[in-house]
Amino acid sequence: KNTLRIDLWTKDMPVDEMKRFFYETLQTMGDSFLRATGETNIVEDLRDYCAHFAEKMEITR
């Protein structure tokens, strides 16, 4: 089953902006998931992954 998908970047968006956009989207999805479900353990895992992603993509917070 597929769900809604929205690509919000354009071909003209610089790669660094796309990396930050993706990182912030993952963080926001975690916040939304926590509010909707109360599933703290999995959201903590997602936040850990986001930190790993930011490090690998050299995203400064």
PDB file of N, CA and C in Angstrom:
ATOM      1  N   LYS A   1       0.848  -1.183   0.000  1.00  0.00           N
ATOM      2  CA  LYS A   1       0.000   0.000   0.000  1.00  0.00           C
ATOM      3  C   LYS A   1       0.886   1.235   0.000  1.00  0.00           C
ATOM      4  N   ASN A   2       0.622   2.153  -0.897  1.00  0.00           N
ATOM      5  CA  ASN A   2       1.387   3.390  -0.976  1.00  0.00           C
ATOM      6  C   ASN A   2       0.693   4.505  -0.204  1.00  0.00           C
ATOM      7  N   THR A   3       1.491   5.441   0.285  1.00  0.00           N
ATOM      8  CA  THR A   3       0.948   6.604   0.966  1.00  0.00           C
ATOM      9  C   THR A   3       1.334   7.854   0.197  1.00  0.00           C
ATOM     10  N   LEU A   4       0.889   8.979   0.696  1.00  0.00           N
ATOM     11  CA  LEU A   4       1.161  10.256   0.048  1.00  0.00           C
ATOM     12  C   LEU A   4       2.653  10.520  -0.044  1.00  0.00           C
ATOM     13  N   ARG A   5       3.066  11.039  -1.163  1.00  0.00           N
ATOM     14  CA  ARG A   5       4.470  11.386  -1.379  1.00  0.00           C
ATOM     15  C   ARG A   5       4.518  12.776  -1.994  1.00  0.00           C
ATOM     16  N   ILE A   6       5.337  13.628  -1.409  1.00  0.00           N
ATOM     17  CA  ILE A   6       5.494  14.979  -1.929  1.00  0.00           C
ATOM     18  C   ILE A   6       6.984  15.287  -1.998  1.00  0.00           C
ATOM     19  N   ASP A   7       7.502  15.492  -3.191  1.00  0.00           N
ATOM     20  CA  ASP A   7       8.888  15.924  -3.356  1.00  0.00           C
ATOM     21  C   ASP A   7       8.890  17.444  -3.414  1.00  0.00           C
ATOM     22  N   LEU A   8       9.535  18.077  -2.440  1.00  0.00           N
ATOM     23  CA  LEU A   8       9.466  19.528  -2.326  1.00  0.00           C
ATOM     24  C   LEU A   8      10.709  20.245  -2.816  1.00  0.00           C
ATOM     25  N   TRP A   9      11.645  19.521  -3.373  1.00  0.00           N
ATOM     26  CA  TRP A   9      12.819  20.217  -3.892  1.00  0.00           C
ATOM     27  C   TRP A   9      12.758  20.256  -5.412  1.00  0.00           C
ATOM     28  N   THR A  10      13.575  21.103  -5.971  1.00  0.00           N
ATOM     29  CA  THR A  10      13.603  21.263  -7.422  1.00  0.00           C
ATOM     30  C   THR A  10      14.974  20.870  -7.947  1.00  0.00           C
ATOM     31  N   LYS A  11      15.092  20.759  -9.248  1.00  0.00           N
ATOM     32  CA  LYS A  11      16.380  20.443  -9.862  1.00  0.00           C
ATOM     33  C   LYS A  11      17.395  21.546  -9.618  1.00  0.00           C
ATOM     34  N   ASP A  12      16.910  22.750  -9.351  1.00  0.00           N
ATOM     35  CA  ASP A  12      17.794  23.891  -9.122  1.00  0.00           C
ATOM     36  C   ASP A  12      18.288  23.996  -7.680  1.00  0.00           C
ATOM     37  N   MET A  13      17.756  23.172  -6.775  1.00  0.00           N
ATOM     38  CA  MET A  13      18.150  23.246  -5.370  1.00  0.00           C
ATOM     39  C   MET A  13      19.567  22.704  -5.210  1.00  0.00           C
ATOM     40  N   PRO A  14      20.434  23.469  -4.548  1.00  0.00           N
ATOM     41  CA  PRO A  14      21.792  22.976  -4.307  1.00  0.00           C
ATOM     42  C   PRO A  14      21.772  21.714  -3.432  1.00  0.00           C
ATOM     43  N   VAL A  15      22.744  20.863  -3.631  1.00  0.00           N
ATOM     44  CA  VAL A  15      22.810  19.593  -2.906  1.00  0.00           C
ATOM     45  C   VAL A  15      22.863  19.822  -1.396  1.00  0.00           C
ATOM     46  N   ASP A  16      23.617  20.808  -0.931  1.00  0.00           N
ATOM     47  CA  ASP A  16      23.685  21.072   0.507  1.00  0.00           C
ATOM     48  C   ASP A  16      22.316  21.415   1.084  1.00  0.00           C
ATOM     49  N   GLU A  17      21.532  22.182   0.344  1.00  0.00           N
ATOM     50  CA  GLU A  17      20.179  22.510   0.803  1.00  0.00           C
ATOM     51  C   GLU A  17      19.298  21.269   0.821  1.00  0.00           C
ATOM     52  N   MET A  18      19.473  20.391  -0.161  1.00  0.00           N
ATOM     53  CA  MET A  18      18.690  19.165  -0.207  1.00  0.00           C
ATOM     54  C   MET A  18      19.027  18.267   0.988  1.00  0.00           C
ATOM     55  N   LYS A  19      20.303  18.182   1.325  1.00  0.00           N
ATOM     56  CA  LYS A  19      20.719  17.382   2.484  1.00  0.00           C
ATOM     57  C   LYS A  19      20.072  17.909   3.750  1.00  0.00           C
ATOM     58  N   ARG A  20      20.110  19.235   3.953  1.00  0.00           N
ATOM     59  CA  ARG A  20      19.509  19.837   5.149  1.00  0.00           C
ATOM     60  C   ARG A  20      18.000  19.631   5.147  1.00  0.00           C
ATOM     61  N   PHE A  21      17.369  19.808   3.997  1.00  0.00           N
ATOM     62  CA  PHE A  21      15.931  19.608   3.879  1.00  0.00           C
ATOM     63  C   PHE A  21      15.554  18.183   4.278  1.00  0.00           C
ATOM     64  N   PHE A  22      16.284  17.210   3.781  1.00  0.00           N
ATOM     65  CA  PHE A  22      16.011  15.809   4.081  1.00  0.00           C
ATOM     66  C   PHE A  22      16.183  15.546   5.575  1.00  0.00           C
ATOM     67  N   TYR A  23      17.270  16.066   6.157  1.00  0.00           N
ATOM     68  CA  TYR A  23      17.532  15.915   7.589  1.00  0.00           C
ATOM     69  C   TYR A  23      16.388  16.516   8.410  1.00  0.00           C
ATOM     70  N   GLU A  24      15.997  17.736   8.097  1.00  0.00           N
ATOM     71  CA  GLU A  24      14.935  18.402   8.856  1.00  0.00           C
ATOM     72  C   GLU A  24      13.602  17.687   8.689  1.00  0.00           C
ATOM     73  N   THR A  25      13.359  17.126   7.506  1.00  0.00           N
ATOM     74  CA  THR A  25      12.131  16.368   7.277  1.00  0.00           C
ATOM     75  C   THR A  25      12.098  15.117   8.151  1.00  0.00           C
ATOM     76  N   LEU A  26      13.211  14.404   8.239  1.00  0.00           N
ATOM     77  CA  LEU A  26      13.272  13.220   9.108  1.00  0.00           C
ATOM     78  C   LEU A  26      13.023  13.596  10.563  1.00  0.00           C
ATOM     79  N   GLN A  27      13.627  14.690  11.016  1.00  0.00           N
ATOM     80  CA  GLN A  27      13.436  15.146  12.395  1.00  0.00           C
ATOM     81  C   GLN A  27      11.962  15.478  12.649  1.00  0.00           C
ATOM     82  N   THR A  28      11.361  16.200  11.729  1.00  0.00           N
ATOM     83  CA  THR A  28       9.961  16.599  11.874  1.00  0.00           C
ATOM     84  C   THR A  28       9.037  15.389  11.846  1.00  0.00           C
ATOM     85  N   MET A  29       9.344  14.415  10.998  1.00  0.00           N
ATOM     86  CA  MET A  29       8.534  13.200  10.954  1.00  0.00           C
ATOM     87  C   MET A  29       8.607  12.465  12.287  1.00  0.00           C
ATOM     88  N   GLY A  30       9.787  12.442  12.894  1.00  0.00           N
ATOM     89  CA  GLY A  30       9.922  11.819  14.207  1.00  0.00           C
ATOM     90  C   GLY A  30       9.073  12.524  15.250  1.00  0.00           C
ATOM     91  N   ASP A  31       9.096  13.854  15.241  1.00  0.00           N
ATOM     92  CA  ASP A  31       8.274  14.627  16.182  1.00  0.00           C
ATOM     93  C   ASP A  31       6.791  14.324  15.986  1.00  0.00           C
ATOM     94  N   SER A  32       6.356  14.307  14.739  1.00  0.00           N
ATOM     95  CA  SER A  32       4.950  14.027  14.433  1.00  0.00           C
ATOM     96  C   SER A  32       4.564  12.615  14.852  1.00  0.00           C
ATOM     97  N   PHE A  33       5.440  11.655  14.578  1.00  0.00           N
ATOM     98  CA  PHE A  33       5.171  10.263  14.937  1.00  0.00           C
ATOM     99  C   PHE A  33       5.069  10.110  16.451  1.00  0.00           C
ATOM    100  N   LEU A  34       5.942  10.790  17.183  1.00  0.00           N
ATOM    101  CA  LEU A  34       5.896  10.726  18.647  1.00  0.00           C
ATOM    102  C   LEU A  34       4.579  11.299  19.170  1.00  0.00           C
ATOM    103  N   ARG A  35       4.173  12.451  18.662  1.00  0.00           N
ATOM    104  CA  ARG A  35       2.909  13.050  19.105  1.00  0.00           C
ATOM    105  C   ARG A  35       1.723  12.152  18.777  1.00  0.00           C
ATOM    106  N   ALA A  36       1.760  11.513  17.620  1.00  0.00           N
ATOM    107  CA  ALA A  36       0.628  10.694  17.177  1.00  0.00           C
ATOM    108  C   ALA A  36       0.551   9.350  17.883  1.00  0.00           C
ATOM    109  N   THR A  37       1.717   8.770  18.223  1.00  0.00           N
ATOM    110  CA  THR A  37       1.719   7.393  18.730  1.00  0.00           C
ATOM    111  C   THR A  37       2.244   7.239  20.148  1.00  0.00           C
ATOM    112  N   GLY A  38       3.055   8.188  20.602  1.00  0.00           N
ATOM    113  CA  GLY A  38       3.684   8.044  21.913  1.00  0.00           C
ATOM    114  C   GLY A  38       4.808   7.021  21.926  1.00  0.00           C
ATOM    115  N   GLU A  39       5.252   6.571  20.770  1.00  0.00           N
ATOM    116  CA  GLU A  39       6.297   5.545  20.652  1.00  0.00           C
ATOM    117  C   GLU A  39       7.681   6.167  20.844  1.00  0.00           C
ATOM    118  N   THR A  40       8.082   6.348  22.097  1.00  0.00           N
ATOM    119  CA  THR A  40       9.343   7.041  22.372  1.00  0.00           C
ATOM    120  C   THR A  40      10.563   6.241  21.939  1.00  0.00           C
ATOM    121  N   ASN A  41      10.545   4.933  22.101  1.00  0.00           N
ATOM    122  CA  ASN A  41      11.731   4.131  21.774  1.00  0.00           C
ATOM    123  C   ASN A  41      12.113   4.232  20.302  1.00  0.00           C
ATOM    124  N   ILE A  42      11.145   4.081  19.422  1.00  0.00           N
ATOM    125  CA  ILE A  42      11.466   4.126  17.994  1.00  0.00           C
ATOM    126  C   ILE A  42      11.841   5.537  17.563  1.00  0.00           C
ATOM    127  N   VAL A  43      11.239   6.544  18.187  1.00  0.00           N
ATOM    128  CA  VAL A  43      11.580   7.928  17.848  1.00  0.00           C
ATOM    129  C   VAL A  43      12.998   8.244  18.318  1.00  0.00           C
ATOM    130  N   GLU A  44      13.396   7.699  19.449  1.00  0.00           N
ATOM    131  CA  GLU A  44      14.788   7.874  19.889  1.00  0.00           C
ATOM    132  C   GLU A  44      15.742   7.234  18.880  1.00  0.00           C
ATOM    133  N   ASP A  45      15.372   6.069  18.361  1.00  0.00           N
ATOM    134  CA  ASP A  45      16.192   5.426  17.321  1.00  0.00           C
ATOM    135  C   ASP A  45      16.275   6.305  16.073  1.00  0.00           C
ATOM    136  N   LEU A  46      15.153   6.882  15.677  1.00  0.00           N
ATOM    137  CA  LEU A  46      15.143   7.751  14.504  1.00  0.00           C
ATOM    138  C   LEU A  46      16.013   8.983  14.743  1.00  0.00           C
ATOM    139  N   ARG A  47      15.942   9.556  15.924  1.00  0.00           N
ATOM    140  CA  ARG A  47      16.780  10.718  16.240  1.00  0.00           C
ATOM    141  C   ARG A  47      18.259  10.350  16.227  1.00  0.00           C
ATOM    142  N   ASP A  48      18.581   9.160  16.724  1.00  0.00           N
ATOM    143  CA  ASP A  48      19.973   8.693  16.647  1.00  0.00           C
ATOM    144  C   ASP A  48      20.414   8.589  15.188  1.00  0.00           C
ATOM    145  N   TYR A  49      19.534   8.046  14.348  1.00  0.00           N
ATOM    146  CA  TYR A  49      19.871   7.946  12.933  1.00  0.00           C
ATOM    147  C   TYR A  49      20.034   9.335  12.318  1.00  0.00           C
ATOM    148  N   CYS A  50      19.175  10.265  12.696  1.00  0.00           N
ATOM    149  CA  CYS A  50      19.275  11.631  12.165  1.00  0.00           C
ATOM    150  C   CYS A  50      20.618  12.252  12.528  1.00  0.00           C
ATOM    151  N   ALA A  51      21.092  12.004  13.743  1.00  0.00           N
ATOM    152  CA  ALA A  51      22.403  12.513  14.149  1.00  0.00           C
ATOM    153  C   ALA A  51      23.495  11.876  13.289  1.00  0.00           C
ATOM    154  N   HIS A  52      23.382  10.577  13.047  1.00  0.00           N
ATOM    155  CA  HIS A  52      24.329   9.865  12.186  1.00  0.00           C
ATOM    156  C   HIS A  52      24.283  10.433  10.764  1.00  0.00           C
ATOM    157  N   PHE A  53      23.092  10.641  10.247  1.00  0.00           N
ATOM    158  CA  PHE A  53      22.905  11.203   8.908  1.00  0.00           C
ATOM    159  C   PHE A  53      23.553  12.584   8.816  1.00  0.00           C
ATOM    160  N   ALA A  54      23.304  13.424   9.821  1.00  0.00           N
ATOM    161  CA  ALA A  54      23.868  14.779   9.826  1.00  0.00           C
ATOM    162  C   ALA A  54      25.392  14.731   9.834  1.00  0.00           C
ATOM    163  N   GLU A  55      25.942  13.806  10.607  1.00  0.00           N
ATOM    164  CA  GLU A  55      27.400  13.673  10.657  1.00  0.00           C
ATOM    165  C   GLU A  55      27.953  13.237   9.299  1.00  0.00           C
ATOM    166  N   LYS A  56      27.346  12.216   8.712  1.00  0.00           N
ATOM    167  CA  LYS A  56      27.830  11.699   7.431  1.00  0.00           C
ATOM    168  C   LYS A  56      27.672  12.718   6.299  1.00  0.00           C
ATOM    169  N   MET A  57      26.619  13.510   6.351  1.00  0.00           N
ATOM    170  CA  MET A  57      26.355  14.507   5.313  1.00  0.00           C
ATOM    171  C   MET A  57      27.008  15.855   5.629  1.00  0.00           C
ATOM    172  N   GLU A  58      27.715  15.894   6.763  1.00  0.00           N
ATOM    173  CA  GLU A  58      28.405  17.107   7.205  1.00  0.00           C
ATOM    174  C   GLU A  58      27.445  18.292   7.311  1.00  0.00           C
ATOM    175  N   ILE A  59      26.311  18.029   7.965  1.00  0.00           N
ATOM    176  CA  ILE A  59      25.304  19.058   8.199  1.00  0.00           C
ATOM    177  C   ILE A  59      25.557  19.648   9.577  1.00  0.00           C
ATOM    178  N   THR A  60      25.743  20.953   9.636  1.00  0.00           N
ATOM    179  CA  THR A  60      25.914  21.610  10.931  1.00  0.00           C
ATOM    180  C   THR A  60      24.544  22.004  11.446  1.00  0.00           C
ATOM    181  N   ARG A  61      24.366  21.837  12.726  1.00  0.00           N
ATOM    182  CA  ARG A  61      23.044  22.115  13.308  1.00  0.00           C
ATOM    183  C   ARG A  61      22.889  23.535  13.700  1.00  0.00           C
TER     184      ARG A  61
END
